[in-house]
Amino acid sequence: MKKLLLAAAVAAGSLLAGEAKAQVSISINIGQQPSWGPVGYDHVEYYYIPDIQAYYYVPDHQFVYLNRGHWTFSHDLPSRYRNFDLYHSHKEVINEPQAYLHFDEHRAAFDHFRGDPHGQVFIRDSREDRYRDHWHDQHEANEEWRHRPEGDRHWGEGERH
C-alpha cells in the first residue's frame, strides 16, 4: 500500500511540475514587433491602441477591430483610419489570449491615453541592438517615408530594413 501511495505521489508531483513549467515558458518575439511598437518588451501578443480602439496581433501582424459589431482581422487598418499615424499614438501591451474579448475592460483602463503617446519610445527610434531586426512591412515603410523631412525623402543604400 505504501508503494502505491508513493507512486501516486510521484506521478502527481511530476504532473504538477510539468504544468508549472509550461506556465512559465514565454517566447521572446522582439523580431516580430512592429517598428511603431514601444520599446522594453521581450514578448508582446497584442497592442491595444486607444486612439482607434483597436488591437494589433503581433504573431500574425494583423489589426483587430470592430466592424459592424464583429471583430475583424486584417493586415491593414480600415479606410476610416487611412491617415492614422501609428508613431504618434499610445500602445498598451496586452499579453493574454484573444485580448479583444476584454475590450470593455481595456477601453475603460486605457482610453485616457487617447491623443497622447505618453512619452513612449518606439522601436524605430531605439538604438538598442536587440531591435535591429524588428518587423518592418510596407505600411511601416510608407509611414516612415511620410514622416521624413521633405529634403530627406529618399532611401539610401542599405537604409531600408
Protein backbone atom coordinates (compact mmCIF):
# COMPACT_ATOMS: atom_id res chain seq x y z
CA MET A 1 0.00 0.00 0.00
CA LYS A 2 2.84 2.36 0.85
CA LYS A 3 4.44 1.71 -2.54
CA LEU A 4 1.15 2.52 -4.29
CA LEU A 5 0.78 5.80 -2.37
CA LEU A 6 4.41 6.71 -3.08
CA ALA A 7 3.96 6.01 -6.79
CA ALA A 8 0.78 8.11 -6.87
CA ALA A 9 2.54 10.99 -5.07
CA VAL A 10 5.48 10.88 -7.51
CA ALA A 11 3.12 10.83 -10.50
CA ALA A 12 1.09 13.76 -9.13
CA GLY A 13 4.28 15.71 -8.39
CA SER A 14 5.53 15.12 -11.94
CA LEU A 15 2.24 16.34 -13.38
CA LEU A 16 2.25 19.49 -11.27
CA ALA A 17 5.88 20.23 -12.10
CA GLY A 18 5.13 19.81 -15.82
CA GLU A 19 2.17 22.21 -15.61
CA ALA A 20 4.18 24.81 -13.69
CA LYS A 21 6.98 24.62 -16.24
CA ALA A 22 4.53 25.11 -19.12
CA GLN A 23 3.04 28.19 -17.46
CA VAL A 24 6.45 29.86 -17.07
CA SER A 25 7.50 29.31 -20.67
CA ILE A 26 7.19 32.53 -22.70
CA SER A 27 8.92 33.02 -26.01
CA ILE A 28 10.75 36.18 -26.98
CA ASN A 29 9.28 37.82 -30.09
CA ILE A 30 11.19 41.10 -30.35
CA GLY A 31 11.87 40.46 -34.05
CA GLN A 32 8.11 40.24 -34.76
CA GLN A 33 7.22 43.52 -33.08
CA PRO A 34 6.49 46.43 -35.47
CA SER A 35 8.73 49.50 -35.56
CA TRP A 36 5.89 51.64 -34.16
CA GLY A 37 5.64 49.44 -31.05
CA PRO A 38 7.02 50.74 -27.75
CA VAL A 39 10.45 49.55 -26.60
CA GLY A 40 11.03 47.48 -23.49
CA TYR A 41 9.06 44.31 -24.17
CA ASP A 42 10.64 40.94 -24.93
CA HIS A 43 7.27 39.41 -25.71
CA VAL A 44 4.07 41.01 -27.00
CA GLU A 45 0.87 39.26 -28.03
CA TYR A 46 -1.34 42.31 -28.61
CA TYR A 47 -1.06 46.08 -28.59
CA TYR A 48 -4.21 47.93 -27.63
CA ILE A 49 -4.35 51.27 -29.46
CA PRO A 50 -6.70 53.58 -27.53
CA ASP A 51 -6.88 56.27 -30.24
CA ILE A 52 -8.67 53.93 -32.62
CA GLN A 53 -9.95 51.42 -30.06
CA ALA A 54 -8.32 48.57 -31.94
CA TYR A 55 -5.70 45.90 -31.34
CA TYR A 56 -2.66 44.71 -33.23
CA TYR A 57 -1.91 40.99 -33.01
CA VAL A 58 1.88 40.70 -33.22
CA PRO A 59 2.29 36.98 -34.13
CA ASP A 60 0.17 37.34 -37.31
CA HIS A 61 0.87 41.06 -37.95
CA GLN A 62 -2.85 41.84 -38.04
CA PHE A 63 -5.02 44.64 -36.77
CA VAL A 64 -8.13 43.54 -34.89
CA TYR A 65 -11.04 45.99 -34.83
CA LEU A 66 -14.81 46.07 -34.56
CA ASN A 67 -16.61 46.22 -37.88
CA ARG A 68 -20.41 46.25 -37.70
CA GLY A 69 -20.36 44.55 -34.33
CA HIS A 70 -17.90 41.79 -35.30
CA TRP A 71 -14.18 41.52 -34.70
CA THR A 72 -12.26 41.80 -37.97
CA PHE A 73 -8.66 40.67 -38.53
CA SER A 74 -6.76 42.48 -41.28
CA HIS A 75 -3.20 43.33 -42.23
CA ASP A 76 -4.42 46.88 -42.86
CA LEU A 77 -6.44 49.32 -40.84
CA PRO A 78 -9.92 50.13 -42.15
CA SER A 79 -10.16 53.02 -44.61
CA ARG A 80 -11.55 55.36 -41.95
CA TYR A 81 -8.07 55.25 -40.35
CA ARG A 82 -6.17 55.57 -43.62
CA ASN A 83 -4.22 58.58 -42.33
CA PHE A 84 -3.80 57.40 -38.75
CA ASP A 85 -0.22 57.76 -37.54
CA LEU A 86 0.86 54.75 -35.50
CA TYR A 87 4.08 56.53 -34.49
CA HIS A 88 2.26 59.25 -32.60
CA SER A 89 -0.18 57.22 -30.53
CA HIS A 90 -0.04 55.29 -27.30
CA LYS A 91 0.05 51.48 -27.32
CA GLU A 92 -0.68 49.29 -24.36
CA VAL A 93 0.85 45.78 -24.31
CA ILE A 94 -1.72 43.07 -23.58
CA ASN A 95 -0.38 39.55 -23.15
CA GLU A 96 -3.49 37.46 -22.86
CA PRO A 97 -5.23 35.12 -25.32
CA GLN A 98 -7.84 36.82 -27.51
CA ALA A 99 -7.33 40.18 -25.80
CA TYR A 100 -10.10 41.79 -27.85
CA LEU A 101 -12.65 39.72 -25.88
CA HIS A 102 -11.84 42.01 -22.93
CA PHE A 103 -12.31 45.19 -24.98
CA ASP A 104 -14.62 46.90 -22.49
CA GLU A 105 -12.06 46.45 -19.70
CA HIS A 106 -9.19 47.70 -21.87
CA ARG A 107 -11.18 50.67 -23.10
CA ALA A 108 -12.05 51.66 -19.51
CA ALA A 109 -8.46 51.22 -18.32
CA PHE A 110 -6.53 52.83 -21.19
CA ASP A 111 -8.69 55.24 -23.18
CA HIS A 112 -7.40 58.16 -21.10
CA PHE A 113 -4.23 57.80 -23.25
CA ARG A 114 -6.12 58.82 -26.41
CA GLY A 115 -4.30 61.57 -28.27
CA ASP A 116 -1.14 61.18 -26.18
CA PRO A 117 1.82 58.87 -26.91
CA HIS A 118 2.56 59.31 -23.18
CA GLY A 119 6.33 59.51 -23.57
CA GLN A 120 6.68 56.12 -25.23
CA VAL A 121 9.85 55.49 -27.22
CA PHE A 122 9.15 53.46 -30.33
CA ILE A 123 11.26 50.60 -31.68
CA ARG A 124 12.07 52.61 -34.82
CA ASP A 125 13.75 55.28 -32.68
CA SER A 126 15.66 52.88 -30.43
CA ARG A 127 19.38 52.35 -30.89
CA GLU A 128 19.35 49.12 -28.86
CA ASP A 129 20.91 46.24 -30.79
CA ARG A 130 18.08 43.88 -29.82
CA TYR A 131 15.67 45.85 -32.06
CA ARG A 132 17.91 45.76 -35.14
CA ASP A 133 15.79 43.12 -36.91
CA HIS A 134 12.27 44.21 -35.94
CA TRP A 135 9.24 43.54 -38.15
CA HIS A 136 9.10 46.04 -40.98
CA ASP A 137 6.31 45.83 -43.53
CA GLN A 138 5.33 48.10 -46.41
CA HIS A 139 2.84 50.02 -44.26
CA GLU A 140 5.64 50.93 -41.88
CA ALA A 141 7.93 51.92 -44.74
CA ASN A 142 5.21 54.24 -46.08
CA GLU A 143 4.74 55.78 -42.61
CA GLU A 144 8.48 56.37 -42.21
CA TRP A 145 8.60 57.98 -45.67
CA ARG A 146 5.68 60.23 -44.81
CA HIS A 147 7.37 61.48 -41.62
CA ARG A 148 10.81 62.20 -43.04
CA PRO A 149 11.77 65.84 -43.59
CA GLU A 150 10.99 67.00 -47.15
CA GLY A 151 14.66 67.10 -48.18
CA ASP A 152 15.35 63.61 -46.87
CA ARG A 153 12.66 61.58 -48.64
CA HIS A 154 14.84 59.02 -50.34
CA TRP A 155 16.03 55.60 -49.30
CA GLY A 156 19.80 55.40 -49.14
CA GLU A 157 21.80 52.26 -49.85
CA GLY A 158 21.22 49.72 -47.08
CA GLU A 159 18.88 52.06 -45.21
CA ARG A 160 15.69 50.12 -45.80
CA HIS A 161 15.12 47.17 -43.48
